[in-house]
Protein backbone atom coordinates (compact mmCIF):
# COMPACT_ATOMS: atom_id res chain seq x y z
CA MET A 1 -0.21 31.12 -10.09
CA ALA A 2 0.10 27.36 -9.13
CA VAL A 3 -2.44 26.30 -11.89
CA GLU A 4 -0.40 28.23 -14.37
CA GLU A 5 2.85 26.65 -13.38
CA MET A 6 1.29 23.03 -13.46
CA ALA A 7 -0.20 23.89 -16.92
CA GLU A 8 3.11 24.97 -18.21
CA LEU A 9 4.74 21.63 -17.09
CA THR A 10 1.84 19.77 -18.77
CA GLN A 11 2.34 21.80 -21.91
CA VAL A 12 6.00 20.86 -22.14
CA LEU A 13 5.46 17.21 -21.24
CA MET A 14 3.08 17.10 -24.06
CA LYS A 15 5.70 18.53 -26.28
CA TYR A 16 8.21 16.14 -25.17
CA SER A 17 5.81 13.16 -26.03
CA ARG A 18 5.83 14.49 -29.53
CA LYS A 19 9.41 15.62 -30.01
CA ILE A 20 12.28 14.18 -27.93
CA ASN A 21 15.34 16.35 -27.83
CA ASN A 22 17.65 18.03 -25.33
CA SER A 23 16.15 21.33 -25.49
CA THR A 24 12.72 20.09 -24.54
CA LEU A 25 14.23 18.05 -21.70
CA ASN A 26 15.83 21.26 -20.36
CA GLU A 27 12.41 22.93 -20.49
CA ILE A 28 10.88 19.98 -18.61
CA ILE A 29 13.56 20.37 -15.84
CA GLU A 30 12.76 24.12 -15.62
CA GLU A 31 9.13 23.57 -15.37
CA ILE A 32 9.61 20.88 -12.56
CA VAL A 33 11.62 23.36 -10.60
CA ASP A 34 8.87 25.95 -11.15
CA VAL A 35 6.25 23.52 -9.96
CA GLU A 36 8.35 22.40 -7.00
CA ILE A 37 8.84 25.81 -5.80
CA MET A 38 5.07 26.46 -6.28
CA LEU A 39 4.34 23.43 -4.14
CA GLU A 40 6.63 24.57 -1.37
CA GLN A 41 4.68 27.75 -1.44
CA LEU A 42 1.29 25.91 -1.31
CA LYS A 43 2.46 23.80 1.55
CA ILE A 44 3.42 27.04 3.51
CA ILE A 45 0.02 28.47 2.85
CA PHE A 46 -2.13 25.42 3.62
CA ILE A 47 -0.15 23.22 5.82
CA ALA A 48 2.59 25.08 7.89
CA GLY A 49 1.42 26.05 11.31
CA ARG A 50 -1.68 23.77 11.18
CA ASN A 51 -0.99 20.74 13.14
CA PHE A 52 -3.89 18.63 11.80
CA ALA A 53 -3.13 19.70 8.25
CA SER A 54 0.62 18.77 8.66
CA PHE A 55 -0.43 15.41 10.10
CA ASP A 56 -2.86 14.65 7.36
CA TYR A 57 -0.30 15.71 4.78
CA HIS A 58 2.27 13.22 6.13
CA LYS A 59 -0.05 10.54 6.47
CA ILE A 60 -1.65 10.83 3.02
CA ARG A 61 1.93 11.26 1.45
CA ASP A 62 3.25 8.02 3.27
CA ILE A 63 0.13 6.08 2.24
CA LYS A 64 0.63 7.10 -1.49
CA LEU A 65 4.30 6.50 -1.51
CA LYS A 66 3.61 2.98 -0.07
CA ARG A 67 1.06 2.38 -2.77
CA LEU A 68 3.60 3.50 -5.44
CA LYS A 69 6.33 1.25 -4.14
CA GLU A 70 4.00 -1.80 -4.21
CA MET A 71 3.00 -1.05 -7.73
CA LEU A 72 6.66 -0.66 -8.83
CA GLU A 73 7.54 -3.95 -7.10
CA GLU A 74 4.66 -5.78 -8.95
CA VAL A 75 6.06 -4.32 -12.34
CA ARG A 76 9.51 -5.74 -11.50
CA GLU A 77 8.12 -9.10 -10.88
């Protein structure tokens, strides 16, 4: 199910790169919501209630967000 939702988002993003309009943008928003819901389900399945997994999740997330912030700051300079 997760792979299917992410594939649908990928498909609509590819469509948007070829044809930009409000209808496609609404499709993207809908698919983003579907993927976000699926990600929450995956976190419940694989992370919730597992202290080590929760710690790793937050640690990895923080590292990746820091890296993204640094890249964005470089682009702005």
